[in-house]
């Protein structure tokens, strides 16, 4: 599940401009790569310049971009979703830890047959008890996983024998297989059951993952560097790259500088000015990748830092609507993204199957915004700030400094709301500090980028009443029983057309409640060294097929030529 991956950077990528390939010297110090005639077909090191660190490396808890990428590469699912991202039934899913599966006669259970070759990175075999343990852990309230709601329909798992685990569902639904195959990473019970669930997040295991994926964990120096390497004896075959390193930087400009100097190979997301700055230099090309992300300015329904009482300003729908109408979304989109931006339409990415880009949302109208604020009792004072009952219309907007896009939006929004008499104080900081405030509800306004699941139910993890609280993804404390009911109908409707109709009605409920200003439908354009041959990119993570990337022998540089010792039998 990916609703709470907060990043800058799922529809297929669409670039509004035809941009020529970029280039930059990708060899350290501009030195030409040495001859590599003796090198094999596999090898190479990818260095990712990452403006932000991982939060932790536990599958049920990791929510940041770097953390989720590492989890996806180190751990396995029982089955892997296909590139078409089908969520109905098991069509398109391929074996991973399970070499196959058998449905129960009433489709309320499925038996996963584990691959007998599968081993954990410590050498122990993968067993059915690991499936039972992983599901119970992910659903355990003590671990407080923000992803637990996605597994609500998955009841339990039982061990039939060492290689067969039977998963039970509360009720038969079209997406029950997706629920367990996509939302659950399998973890080794013999490793993770050594620490009480409530202490896992602060344990050493949160920093030293043991999985079964084609990459294994090497080291993590928080704020500096995180490294994984190919598991040379993996049951699915050795990853074609030797290692992947995330070079942690404080912001996007620092990440850009690392790629520009050749210290790093991949910049996930480049700002328009950075794309222009790279034009014409050898060694780099554009790296466009599809996403399931959308960006918005969220308005907290609760008082900042106090989930037990309403926000004294934003609990009023008239104020939320007024603030939304005071923001010229199209002008801001052009300002931030130049001609490569795409407008946001609601609580979904436009490429989602259930997206409705025709939703009725507040339009830019400053005069109407001012009239709404007047009607809500907020009158303009001599300081050009509105007041009501002695309280100024003053709001704190949080944003991460790691995101160049959101930093730009923060300044533009501050000025737009100033014009209608609202004072906005920008609270910008490193991503981890920003994320701590967001999850605690310690803000009035927040610039947020969500990456959602490919199904309609992904919206529940960010907008449903059940997701409110310190462990849920609903940091705005938004709640509307109509939305909850409609989305529930959408996720349990076997007819695809009717499921979409329910989802679109649910989205309109949110749009009418105005909990957010929908700013952009995010697609990512980064830069990557021309050394790399990239396989198909999946919209839920550019890294999903990373184990099959290659660096041709002739293109390797010194850091690509550090080989790995083969696994001992």
Protein backbone atom coordinates (compact mmCIF):
# COMPACT_ATOMS: atom_id res chain seq x y z
CA UNK A 1 0.00 0.00 0.00
CA UNK A 2 1.28 3.46 -0.82
CA UNK A 3 -1.17 6.17 0.25
CA UNK A 4 1.12 7.72 2.78
CA UNK A 5 4.31 7.78 0.83
CA UNK A 6 4.91 11.50 1.05
CA UNK A 7 7.11 12.68 -1.75
CA UNK A 8 7.49 14.96 -4.65
CA UNK A 9 7.62 12.77 -7.19
CA UNK A 10 -0.91 6.44 -11.63
CA UNK A 11 -1.28 7.31 -14.85
CA UNK A 12 1.05 6.64 -17.75
CA UNK A 13 3.55 9.47 -18.05
CA UNK A 14 2.57 12.40 -20.22
CA UNK A 15 5.08 15.16 -20.86
CA UNK A 16 3.65 18.38 -22.22
CA UNK A 17 6.87 19.32 -23.95
CA UNK A 18 9.08 17.35 -26.31
CA UNK A 19 12.36 17.62 -24.40
CA UNK A 20 15.66 16.57 -25.88
CA UNK A 21 17.79 14.04 -23.99
CA UNK A 22 20.00 15.67 -21.38
CA UNK A 23 23.58 14.97 -20.62
CA UNK A 24 26.09 15.42 -17.89
CA UNK A 25 29.39 13.87 -17.06
CA UNK A 26 28.43 10.83 -15.05
CA UNK A 27 31.97 9.61 -14.38
CA UNK A 28 33.51 10.80 -11.15
CA UNK A 29 35.96 13.60 -11.80
CA UNK A 30 35.26 13.48 -15.53
CA UNK A 31 37.58 10.48 -15.89
CA UNK A 32 36.90 8.11 -18.74
CA UNK A 33 35.83 4.61 -17.68
CA UNK A 34 38.55 1.98 -17.94
CA UNK A 35 38.30 -0.99 -20.27
CA UNK A 36 36.14 -3.78 -18.86
CA UNK A 37 36.60 -6.66 -21.25
CA UNK A 38 36.76 -9.21 -18.45
CA UNK A 39 33.58 -8.04 -16.74
CA UNK A 40 30.44 -10.18 -16.83
CA UNK A 41 26.99 -9.19 -18.09
CA UNK A 42 25.77 -8.27 -14.61
CA UNK A 43 27.14 -5.59 -12.34
CA UNK A 44 27.02 -1.89 -11.66
CA UNK A 45 26.22 0.53 -8.87
CA UNK A 46 23.28 2.93 -8.91
CA UNK A 47 23.64 5.99 -6.69
CA UNK A 48 20.35 7.78 -6.07
CA UNK A 49 20.50 11.39 -4.89
CA UNK A 50 17.62 11.48 -2.40
CA UNK A 51 16.34 14.73 -0.87
CA UNK A 52 15.13 13.08 2.32
CA UNK A 53 15.88 9.99 4.37
CA UNK A 54 13.97 6.82 5.23
CA UNK A 55 11.79 6.87 8.33
CA UNK A 56 12.36 3.18 9.11
CA UNK A 57 12.75 -0.07 7.19
CA UNK A 58 9.83 -2.06 8.59
CA UNK A 59 7.23 -3.07 5.96
CA UNK A 60 4.17 -2.31 8.13
CA UNK A 61 5.49 1.13 9.15
CA UNK A 62 7.70 2.66 6.47
CA UNK A 63 5.96 5.56 4.73
CA UNK A 64 8.67 7.72 3.13
CA UNK A 65 9.92 7.40 -0.43
CA UNK A 66 13.36 6.01 0.41
CA UNK A 67 12.01 3.69 3.10
CA UNK A 68 9.31 2.29 0.84
CA UNK A 69 11.77 1.70 -2.01
CA UNK A 70 14.11 -0.25 0.25
CA UNK A 71 11.23 -2.29 1.70
CA UNK A 72 9.97 -3.15 -1.78
CA UNK A 73 13.42 -4.31 -2.88
CA UNK A 74 14.45 -6.22 0.27
CA UNK A 75 11.12 -7.94 1.00
CA UNK A 76 8.74 -9.97 -1.17
CA UNK A 77 4.99 -10.26 -1.58
CA UNK A 78 3.30 -13.63 -1.94
CA UNK A 79 2.40 -12.63 -5.50
CA UNK A 80 3.35 -9.61 -7.55
CA UNK A 81 0.88 -7.33 -9.30
CA UNK A 82 1.32 -7.03 -13.05
CA UNK A 83 2.37 -3.86 -14.82
CA UNK A 84 -1.25 -3.32 -15.89
CA UNK A 85 -2.03 -2.84 -12.16
CA UNK A 86 -5.22 -4.91 -12.23
CA UNK A 87 -6.85 -5.05 -8.78
CA UNK A 88 -9.90 -7.26 -9.57
CA UNK A 89 -9.32 -10.97 -9.02
CA UNK A 90 -5.86 -12.47 -9.51
CA UNK A 91 -5.48 -11.76 -13.22
CA UNK A 92 -2.01 -10.44 -14.02
CA UNK A 93 -0.49 -11.39 -10.67
CA UNK A 94 2.67 -13.48 -10.92
CA UNK A 95 4.33 -15.79 -8.37
CA UNK A 96 6.78 -14.40 -5.86
CA UNK A 97 7.21 -16.13 -2.50
CA UNK A 98 4.26 -18.27 -3.51
CA UNK A 99 4.89 -20.42 -6.58
CA UNK A 100 1.11 -20.76 -6.96
CA UNK A 101 -2.20 -20.55 -5.14
CA UNK A 102 -5.47 -22.45 -4.89
CA UNK A 103 -8.85 -20.81 -4.23
CA UNK A 104 -11.35 -22.21 -1.75
CA UNK A 105 -14.73 -23.29 -3.19
CA UNK A 106 -16.56 -20.21 -1.86
CA UNK A 107 -13.70 -17.78 -2.65
CA UNK A 108 -13.43 -16.67 0.97
CA UNK A 109 -10.04 -18.36 1.34
CA UNK A 110 -6.96 -19.00 -0.75
CA UNK A 111 -4.03 -21.33 -0.13
CA UNK A 112 -0.60 -19.98 -1.06
CA UNK A 113 1.97 -22.64 -1.96
CA UNK A 114 5.39 -21.29 -1.02
CA UNK A 115 8.38 -21.74 -3.29
CA UNK A 116 10.56 -24.34 -1.55
CA UNK A 117 13.69 -22.57 -2.85
CA UNK A 118 12.90 -19.31 -1.05
CA UNK A 119 15.33 -18.31 1.69
CA UNK A 120 15.63 -15.37 4.03
CA UNK A 121 18.80 -13.34 3.74
CA UNK A 122 20.12 -15.05 6.89
CA UNK A 123 19.86 -18.40 5.11
CA UNK A 124 16.77 -19.75 6.87
CA UNK A 125 13.96 -21.17 4.65
CA UNK A 126 10.73 -19.25 4.15
CA UNK A 127 7.86 -21.09 5.81
CA UNK A 128 4.09 -20.87 6.09
CA UNK A 129 4.40 -19.68 9.67
CA UNK A 130 6.09 -16.55 8.30
CA UNK A 131 2.91 -15.74 6.35
CA UNK A 132 0.78 -16.18 9.46
CA UNK A 133 3.17 -14.06 11.53
CA UNK A 134 3.40 -11.24 8.95
CA UNK A 135 -0.35 -10.88 8.60
CA UNK A 136 -0.93 -10.94 12.35
CA UNK A 137 1.82 -8.35 12.88
CA UNK A 138 0.53 -5.97 10.20
CA UNK A 139 -2.97 -6.09 11.73
CA UNK A 140 -1.82 -5.91 15.36
CA UNK A 141 -2.95 -2.61 16.96
CA UNK A 142 0.21 -2.64 19.07
CA UNK A 143 2.41 -1.97 16.05
CA UNK A 144 0.01 0.78 14.91
CA UNK A 145 0.57 0.29 11.18
CA UNK A 146 -0.90 3.03 8.98
CA UNK A 147 -1.50 0.28 6.42
CA UNK A 148 -3.65 -1.90 8.66
CA UNK A 149 -6.93 -0.64 7.23
CA UNK A 150 -5.98 -1.98 3.80
CA UNK A 151 -5.98 -5.47 5.35
CA UNK A 152 -9.31 -5.07 7.13
CA UNK A 153 -11.05 -7.68 4.97
CA UNK A 154 -8.23 -10.18 5.45
CA UNK A 155 -9.18 -12.16 8.55
CA UNK A 156 -6.24 -14.44 9.31
CA UNK A 157 -3.81 -17.03 8.00
CA UNK A 158 -3.43 -20.63 9.10
CA UNK A 159 -0.53 -23.01 8.58
CA UNK A 160 -1.50 -26.17 6.68
CA UNK A 161 2.06 -27.44 6.47
CA UNK A 162 5.54 -25.94 6.17
CA UNK A 163 4.96 -24.63 2.63
CA UNK A 164 1.19 -24.04 2.51
CA UNK A 165 -0.52 -21.09 4.18
CA UNK A 166 -4.26 -20.59 4.00
CA UNK A 167 -5.51 -16.99 4.06
CA UNK A 168 -9.10 -16.30 5.14
CA UNK A 169 -11.24 -13.30 4.19
CA UNK A 170 -14.18 -11.87 6.12
CA UNK A 171 -16.23 -11.73 2.94
CA UNK A 172 -15.77 -12.38 -0.75
CA UNK A 173 -14.91 -9.16 -2.62
CA UNK A 174 -13.53 -8.41 -6.09
CA UNK A 175 -10.24 -7.14 -4.63
CA UNK A 176 -9.60 -9.67 -1.87
CA UNK A 177 -6.57 -11.16 -3.66
CA UNK A 178 -5.17 -7.67 -4.22
CA UNK A 179 -5.68 -6.94 -0.52
CA UNK A 180 -3.41 -9.72 0.66
CA UNK A 181 -1.00 -9.99 -2.29
CA UNK A 182 -0.34 -6.26 -2.74
CA UNK A 183 -0.75 -4.95 0.80
CA UNK A 184 1.26 -7.54 2.72
CA UNK A 185 5.03 -7.99 2.75
CA UNK A 186 6.20 -11.29 4.22
CA UNK A 187 8.68 -11.03 7.10
CA UNK A 188 10.70 -13.78 8.84
CA UNK A 189 9.00 -14.73 12.10
CA UNK A 190 12.22 -16.02 13.65
CA UNK A 191 13.76 -12.54 13.29
CA UNK A 192 10.93 -10.15 14.06
CA UNK A 193 9.11 -12.04 16.79
CA UNK A 194 12.09 -11.47 19.07
CA UNK A 195 10.86 -7.93 19.83
CA UNK A 196 7.39 -7.00 21.16
CA UNK A 197 5.32 -5.38 18.37
CA UNK A 198 4.98 -2.09 20.24
CA UNK A 199 8.79 -1.80 20.42
CA UNK A 200 9.64 -2.76 16.84
CA UNK A 201 9.62 0.81 15.51
CA UNK A 202 12.36 1.88 17.90
CA UNK A 203 14.35 -1.37 17.78
CA UNK A 204 17.49 -2.11 15.82
CA UNK A 205 15.38 -4.30 13.53
CA UNK A 206 13.76 -1.14 12.17
CA UNK A 207 17.20 -0.19 10.86
CA UNK A 208 18.50 -3.61 9.78
CA UNK A 209 15.88 -5.43 7.68
CA UNK A 210 16.07 -9.13 6.87
CA UNK A 211 13.99 -10.09 3.85
CA UNK A 212 13.88 -12.50 0.92
CA UNK A 213 14.10 -10.08 -2.03
CA UNK A 214 16.69 -9.95 -4.79
CA UNK A 215 18.49 -7.22 -2.85
CA UNK A 216 19.71 -7.54 0.73
CA UNK A 217 20.35 -4.78 3.25
CA UNK A 218 23.94 -3.62 3.80
CA UNK A 219 24.02 -0.46 5.92
CA UNK A 220 22.23 2.75 6.86
CA UNK A 221 23.84 5.92 8.13
CA UNK A 222 20.81 8.16 8.82
CA UNK A 223 21.00 11.49 7.07
CA UNK A 224 23.91 10.33 4.92
CA UNK A 225 23.78 6.99 3.11
CA UNK A 226 21.69 3.83 2.76
CA UNK A 227 22.97 0.81 0.82
CA UNK A 228 21.58 -2.50 -0.41
CA UNK A 229 23.31 -5.13 -2.55
CA UNK A 230 22.37 -8.04 -4.80
CA UNK A 231 21.47 -11.26 -3.01
CA UNK A 232 23.77 -13.49 -5.04
CA UNK A 233 22.03 -16.73 -4.11
CA UNK A 234 18.45 -15.52 -4.40
CA UNK A 235 15.77 -18.05 -5.36
CA UNK A 236 14.53 -15.76 -8.15
CA UNK A 237 18.01 -15.11 -9.49
CA UNK A 238 20.66 -12.56 -8.67
CA UNK A 239 19.79 -8.91 -9.22
CA UNK A 240 21.61 -7.65 -12.30
CA UNK A 241 22.94 -4.59 -10.48
CA UNK A 242 25.53 -5.13 -7.74
CA UNK A 243 24.29 -2.45 -5.39
CA UNK A 244 22.02 0.54 -4.91
CA UNK A 245 23.03 3.47 -2.73
CA UNK A 246 20.80 6.33 -1.60
CA UNK A 247 22.94 9.40 -0.99
CA UNK A 248 20.78 11.37 1.45
CA UNK A 249 20.69 15.13 0.91
CA UNK A 250 18.77 17.88 2.74
CA UNK A 251 16.90 19.21 -0.29
CA UNK A 252 16.34 18.90 -4.02
CA UNK A 253 19.03 21.45 -4.90
CA UNK A 254 21.66 19.41 -3.07
CA UNK A 255 20.45 16.24 -4.80
CA UNK A 256 20.64 18.00 -8.17
CA UNK A 257 24.21 19.12 -7.43
CA UNK A 258 25.26 15.53 -6.73
CA UNK A 259 23.93 14.34 -10.06
CA UNK A 260 25.39 17.36 -11.86
CA UNK A 261 28.84 16.58 -10.44
CA UNK A 262 28.65 12.89 -11.30
CA UNK A 263 28.66 11.83 -7.64
CA UNK A 264 25.17 10.34 -8.13
CA UNK A 265 23.43 8.67 -11.06
CA UNK A 266 19.74 9.33 -10.54
CA UNK A 267 17.68 12.36 -9.58
CA UNK A 268 14.10 11.20 -9.08
CA UNK A 269 12.50 14.58 -9.70
CA UNK A 270 13.93 17.66 -11.38
CA UNK A 271 12.41 21.12 -11.27
CA UNK A 272 11.84 22.87 -14.63
CA UNK A 273 14.85 25.14 -14.12
CA UNK A 274 17.02 22.12 -13.32
CA UNK A 275 15.88 20.38 -16.50
CA UNK A 276 16.87 23.45 -18.49
CA UNK A 277 20.22 23.69 -16.69
CA UNK A 278 21.11 20.16 -17.77
CA UNK A 279 20.29 20.62 -21.43
CA UNK A 280 23.13 19.87 -23.79
CA UNK A 281 25.48 18.22 -21.31
CA UNK A 282 26.71 14.69 -22.04
CA UNK A 283 26.18 11.73 -19.74
CA UNK A 284 22.58 12.27 -18.57
CA UNK A 285 19.17 11.79 -20.08
CA UNK A 286 15.67 12.60 -18.88
CA UNK A 287 14.10 10.06 -16.55
CA UNK A 288 10.30 10.40 -16.83
CA UNK A 289 8.39 7.93 -14.69
CA UNK A 290 4.68 7.38 -14.12
CA UNK A 291 3.23 7.90 -10.68
CA UNK A 292 0.01 7.54 -8.71
CA UNK A 293 0.66 10.81 -6.90
CA UNK A 294 -1.29 14.01 -6.49
CA UNK A 295 -0.49 17.19 -4.59
CA UNK A 296 -2.76 19.47 -2.60
CA UNK A 297 -2.96 22.00 0.21
CA UNK A 298 -4.76 20.25 3.05
CA UNK A 299 -6.80 22.11 5.66
CA UNK A 300 -6.79 20.61 9.14
CA UNK A 301 -10.29 20.04 10.55
CA UNK A 302 -8.82 19.90 14.08
CA UNK A 303 -6.94 22.49 16.10
CA UNK A 304 -3.21 22.27 15.38
CA UNK A 305 -1.76 19.64 17.66
CA UNK A 306 -5.12 18.94 19.32
CA UNK A 307 -7.18 16.25 17.61
CA UNK A 308 -9.80 16.45 20.36
CA UNK A 309 -11.19 19.84 19.35
CA UNK A 310 -12.16 21.53 16.07
CA UNK A 311 -9.96 24.00 14.27
CA UNK A 312 -11.25 27.45 15.33
CA UNK A 313 -10.87 28.77 11.79
CA UNK A 314 -10.96 25.87 9.34
CA UNK A 315 -13.85 23.93 10.85
CA UNK A 316 -16.09 26.42 9.02
CA UNK A 317 -16.76 25.23 5.48
CA UNK A 318 -17.27 28.83 4.32
CA UNK A 319 -13.70 29.65 5.30
CA UNK A 320 -12.31 26.55 3.59
CA UNK A 321 -14.25 27.37 0.44
CA UNK A 322 -13.09 30.98 0.54
CA UNK A 323 -9.44 30.02 0.88
CA UNK A 324 -9.83 27.62 -2.02
CA UNK A 325 -11.43 30.27 -4.23
CA UNK A 326 -8.66 32.75 -3.39
CA UNK A 327 -6.01 30.50 -4.94
CA UNK A 328 -5.42 30.70 -8.69
CA UNK A 329 -4.48 27.06 -9.21
CA UNK A 330 -3.77 27.36 -12.93
CA UNK A 331 -1.47 30.36 -12.57
CA UNK A 332 0.41 28.62 -9.77
CA UNK A 333 0.74 25.44 -11.82
CA UNK A 334 2.37 27.39 -14.65
CA UNK A 335 4.60 29.25 -12.23
CA UNK A 336 5.90 26.08 -10.54
CA UNK A 337 5.92 23.52 -13.35
CA UNK A 338 6.20 25.77 -16.38
CA UNK A 339 4.41 24.01 -19.27
CA UNK A 340 4.95 20.47 -17.94
CA UNK A 341 2.38 20.59 -15.12
CA UNK A 342 -1.02 18.92 -14.96
CA UNK A 343 -3.89 20.23 -12.91
CA UNK A 344 -5.19 18.35 -9.87
CA UNK A 345 -8.88 17.46 -9.96
CA UNK A 346 -9.64 15.84 -6.61
CA UNK A 347 -8.46 13.24 -4.07
CA UNK A 348 -6.92 10.98 -6.71
CA UNK A 349 -4.32 10.95 -9.48
CA UNK A 350 -5.93 11.50 -12.87
CA UNK A 351 -4.64 8.17 -14.17
CA UNK A 352 -6.54 6.14 -11.56
CA UNK A 353 -9.25 3.98 -13.12
CA UNK A 354 -11.89 5.59 -10.86
CA UNK A 355 -10.70 9.19 -11.34
CA UNK A 356 -13.29 11.80 -12.29
CA UNK A 357 -11.70 14.90 -13.77
CA UNK A 358 -15.13 16.55 -14.11
CA UNK A 359 -15.75 16.95 -10.37
CA UNK A 360 -17.40 20.18 -9.27
CA UNK A 361 -14.78 22.01 -7.18
CA UNK A 362 -14.46 25.68 -6.12
CA UNK A 363 -13.27 27.95 -8.91
CA UNK A 364 -10.89 30.88 -8.62
CA UNK A 365 -12.99 33.91 -7.66
CA UNK A 366 -11.45 36.46 -5.27
CA UNK A 367 -14.61 38.56 -4.95
CA UNK A 368 -16.65 35.52 -3.96
CA UNK A 369 -13.91 34.45 -1.52
CA UNK A 370 -14.03 37.84 0.20
CA UNK A 371 -17.82 37.72 0.39
CA UNK A 372 -17.70 34.27 2.01
CA UNK A 373 -15.21 35.47 4.61
CA UNK A 374 -17.43 38.47 5.33
CA UNK A 375 -20.45 36.19 5.79
CA UNK A 376 -18.44 34.00 8.17
CA UNK A 377 -17.77 37.04 10.38
CA UNK A 378 -14.17 37.65 9.39
CA UNK A 379 -13.86 41.41 8.85
CA UNK A 380 -10.83 43.27 7.53
CA UNK A 381 -8.82 45.11 10.14
CA UNK A 382 -6.54 48.14 9.83
CA UNK A 383 -3.56 45.77 9.61
CA UNK A 384 -5.03 44.28 6.39
CA UNK A 385 -5.69 41.03 8.28
CA UNK A 386 -9.22 39.82 8.95
CA UNK A 387 -10.38 39.30 12.53
CA UNK A 388 -13.34 37.71 14.25
CA UNK A 389 -14.03 38.02 17.96
CA UNK A 390 -10.53 39.33 18.56
CA UNK A 391 -8.87 36.42 16.72
CA UNK A 392 -6.80 37.16 13.61
CA UNK A 393 -7.25 35.04 10.49
CA UNK A 394 -3.78 33.59 10.92
CA UNK A 395 -2.76 30.11 9.76
CA UNK A 396 0.44 28.05 9.88
CA UNK A 397 1.40 26.27 6.65
CA UNK A 398 3.88 23.38 6.89
CA UNK A 399 5.99 22.23 3.97
CA UNK A 400 9.19 20.19 3.55
CA UNK A 401 12.34 21.94 2.39
CA UNK A 402 13.21 18.75 0.51
CA UNK A 403 10.53 19.58 -2.07
CA UNK A 404 11.34 22.46 -4.41
CA UNK A 405 7.79 22.34 -5.77
CA UNK A 406 6.11 22.63 -2.42
CA UNK A 407 8.46 25.39 -1.28
CA UNK A 408 7.44 27.41 -4.34
CA UNK A 409 3.76 26.72 -3.76
CA UNK A 410 4.07 27.83 -0.12
CA UNK A 411 5.24 31.31 -1.12
CA UNK A 412 2.59 31.66 -3.83
CA UNK A 413 -0.21 30.55 -1.50
CA UNK A 414 1.00 32.88 1.25
CA UNK A 415 0.71 35.84 -1.12
CA UNK A 416 -2.65 34.76 -2.57
CA UNK A 417 -4.27 34.42 0.85
CA UNK A 418 -2.73 37.69 2.04
CA UNK A 419 -4.75 39.45 -0.64
CA UNK A 420 -8.02 38.28 0.94
CA UNK A 421 -6.94 39.14 4.48
CA UNK A 422 -5.46 35.86 5.73
CA UNK A 423 -1.98 35.77 7.23
CA UNK A 424 -0.09 32.58 6.46
CA UNK A 425 3.08 31.74 8.37
CA UNK A 426 5.27 29.30 6.45
CA UNK A 427 6.77 26.59 8.65
CA UNK A 428 9.35 24.87 6.43
CA UNK A 429 11.79 22.26 7.61
CA UNK A 430 13.56 18.99 6.80
CA UNK A 431 11.27 16.23 5.65
CA UNK A 432 11.37 14.15 8.83
CA UNK A 433 10.47 17.20 10.97
CA UNK A 434 7.71 18.15 8.53
CA UNK A 435 6.35 14.60 8.49
CA UNK A 436 6.30 14.41 12.28
CA UNK A 437 4.13 17.54 12.39
CA UNK A 438 1.84 16.23 9.68
CA UNK A 439 1.24 12.88 11.34
CA UNK A 440 0.66 14.60 14.71
CA UNK A 441 -1.85 17.01 13.17
CA UNK A 442 0.35 19.91 14.28
CA UNK A 443 -0.54 22.39 11.52
CA UNK A 444 -3.38 24.42 10.05
CA UNK A 445 -2.43 24.06 6.41
CA UNK A 446 -0.10 21.47 4.88
CA UNK A 447 1.32 21.00 1.42
CA UNK A 448 0.98 17.26 0.86
CA UNK A 449 1.80 14.83 -1.92
CA UNK A 450 0.11 11.45 -1.60
CA UNK A 451 0.91 8.32 -3.54
CA UNK A 452 -2.17 6.15 -3.53
CA UNK A 453 -2.92 2.54 -4.32
CA UNK A 454 -4.11 1.62 -7.84
CA UNK A 455 -7.59 0.77 -6.55
CA UNK A 456 -10.47 2.95 -5.36
CA UNK A 457 -9.99 1.75 -1.79
CA UNK A 458 -6.65 3.56 -1.62
CA UNK A 459 -8.55 6.78 -0.94
CA UNK A 460 -9.88 5.34 2.32
CA UNK A 461 -6.39 5.21 3.76
CA UNK A 462 -6.07 9.00 3.44
CA UNK A 463 -9.66 10.24 3.72
CA UNK A 464 -11.83 7.73 5.60
CA UNK A 465 -12.98 8.33 9.17
CA UNK A 466 -11.32 5.09 10.26
CA UNK A 467 -7.93 6.48 9.18
CA UNK A 468 -8.04 9.44 11.58
CA UNK A 469 -5.53 9.28 14.40
CA UNK A 470 -1.82 9.06 15.05
CA UNK A 471 -1.45 5.76 13.19
CA UNK A 472 -3.74 6.54 10.24
CA UNK A 473 -3.08 8.34 7.00
CA UNK A 474 -5.91 10.88 7.45
CA UNK A 475 -3.80 13.69 8.88
CA UNK A 476 -6.50 16.30 8.13
CA UNK A 477 -8.99 14.51 10.41
CA UNK A 478 -11.49 14.69 7.56
CA UNK A 479 -14.70 12.75 8.25
CA UNK A 480 -17.93 12.33 6.30
CA UNK A 481 -20.06 9.18 6.70
CA UNK A 482 -21.39 9.61 3.17
CA UNK A 483 -17.88 9.31 1.76
CA UNK A 484 -17.16 6.28 3.94
CA UNK A 485 -20.30 4.50 2.80
CA UNK A 486 -19.88 5.28 -0.89
CA UNK A 487 -16.25 4.20 -0.96
CA UNK A 488 -17.11 1.00 0.87
CA UNK A 489 -19.69 0.29 -1.85
CA UNK A 490 -17.09 1.00 -4.53
CA UNK A 491 -14.61 -1.49 -3.08
CA UNK A 492 -17.18 -4.26 -2.66
CA UNK A 493 -18.99 -3.88 -5.97
CA UNK A 494 -18.20 -6.78 -8.35
CA UNK A 495 -19.28 -4.81 -11.41
CA UNK A 496 -16.39 -2.56 -12.52
CA UNK A 497 -18.64 0.11 -14.03
CA UNK A 498 -20.78 0.36 -10.91
CA UNK A 499 -17.67 0.38 -8.70
CA UNK A 500 -16.38 3.40 -10.60
CA UNK A 501 -19.74 5.15 -10.26
CA UNK A 502 -19.70 4.72 -6.47
CA UNK A 503 -16.10 5.94 -6.27
CA UNK A 504 -16.86 9.07 -8.26
CA UNK A 505 -19.81 9.89 -6.03
CA UNK A 506 -17.50 9.46 -3.03
CA UNK A 507 -14.97 11.86 -4.56
CA UNK A 508 -17.68 14.47 -5.09
CA UNK A 509 -18.59 14.32 -1.40
CA UNK A 510 -14.99 15.24 -0.56
CA UNK A 511 -14.93 17.98 -3.18
CA UNK A 512 -18.10 19.50 -1.69
CA UNK A 513 -16.64 19.42 1.82
CA UNK A 514 -13.54 21.32 0.60
CA UNK A 515 -10.89 19.79 2.87
CA UNK A 516 -8.17 20.69 0.38
CA UNK A 517 -7.14 22.76 -2.61
CA UNK A 518 -6.22 20.35 -5.42
CA UNK A 519 -2.99 21.74 -6.85
CA UNK A 520 -1.37 19.26 -9.22
CA UNK A 521 -1.59 15.78 -10.66
CA UNK A 522 1.98 14.71 -10.19
CA UNK A 523 4.13 13.16 -12.83
CA UNK A 524 7.87 12.94 -12.36
CA UNK A 525 10.69 13.94 -14.65
CA UNK A 526 14.12 13.25 -13.25
CA UNK A 527 17.54 12.66 -14.72
CA UNK A 528 19.58 9.47 -14.98
CA UNK A 529 23.06 8.56 -16.15
CA UNK A 530 23.15 7.25 -19.70
CA UNK A 531 25.10 4.24 -18.38
CA UNK A 532 21.89 2.56 -17.26
CA UNK A 533 19.57 0.43 -19.34
CA UNK A 534 16.19 0.78 -17.65
CA UNK A 535 13.39 -1.78 -17.85
CA UNK A 536 9.67 -0.96 -17.77
CA UNK A 537 8.68 1.55 -15.09
CA UNK A 538 5.70 0.75 -12.89
CA UNK A 539 3.46 3.57 -11.66
CA UNK A 540 3.61 2.60 -7.98
CA UNK A 541 7.39 2.97 -7.83
CA UNK A 542 10.14 3.58 -10.37
CA UNK A 543 12.25 1.01 -8.48
CA UNK A 544 9.87 -1.96 -8.83
CA UNK A 545 11.90 -3.55 -11.68
CA UNK A 546 15.25 -2.21 -10.52
CA UNK A 547 16.74 -5.70 -10.09
CA UNK A 548 16.64 -6.07 -13.89
CA UNK A 549 18.39 -2.79 -14.74
CA UNK A 550 21.82 -3.17 -16.32
CA UNK A 551 24.99 -1.25 -17.02
CA UNK A 552 26.67 -2.35 -20.28
CA UNK A 553 30.26 -3.40 -19.77
CA UNK A 554 31.64 -0.67 -22.01
CA UNK A 555 29.82 2.04 -20.06
CA UNK A 556 31.00 1.10 -16.58
CA UNK A 557 32.98 3.48 -14.39
CA UNK A 558 35.11 2.60 -11.35
CA UNK A 559 32.23 2.40 -8.89
CA UNK A 560 30.43 -0.06 -11.21
CA UNK A 561 33.34 -2.48 -11.15
CA UNK A 562 33.14 -3.44 -7.48
CA UNK A 563 31.87 -7.00 -7.78
CA UNK A 564 30.14 -9.21 -5.24
CA UNK A 565 31.40 -12.51 -3.97
CA UNK A 566 29.09 -15.37 -5.02
CA UNK A 567 26.99 -16.84 -2.24
CA UNK A 568 28.54 -19.85 -0.55
CA UNK A 569 26.57 -23.10 -0.87
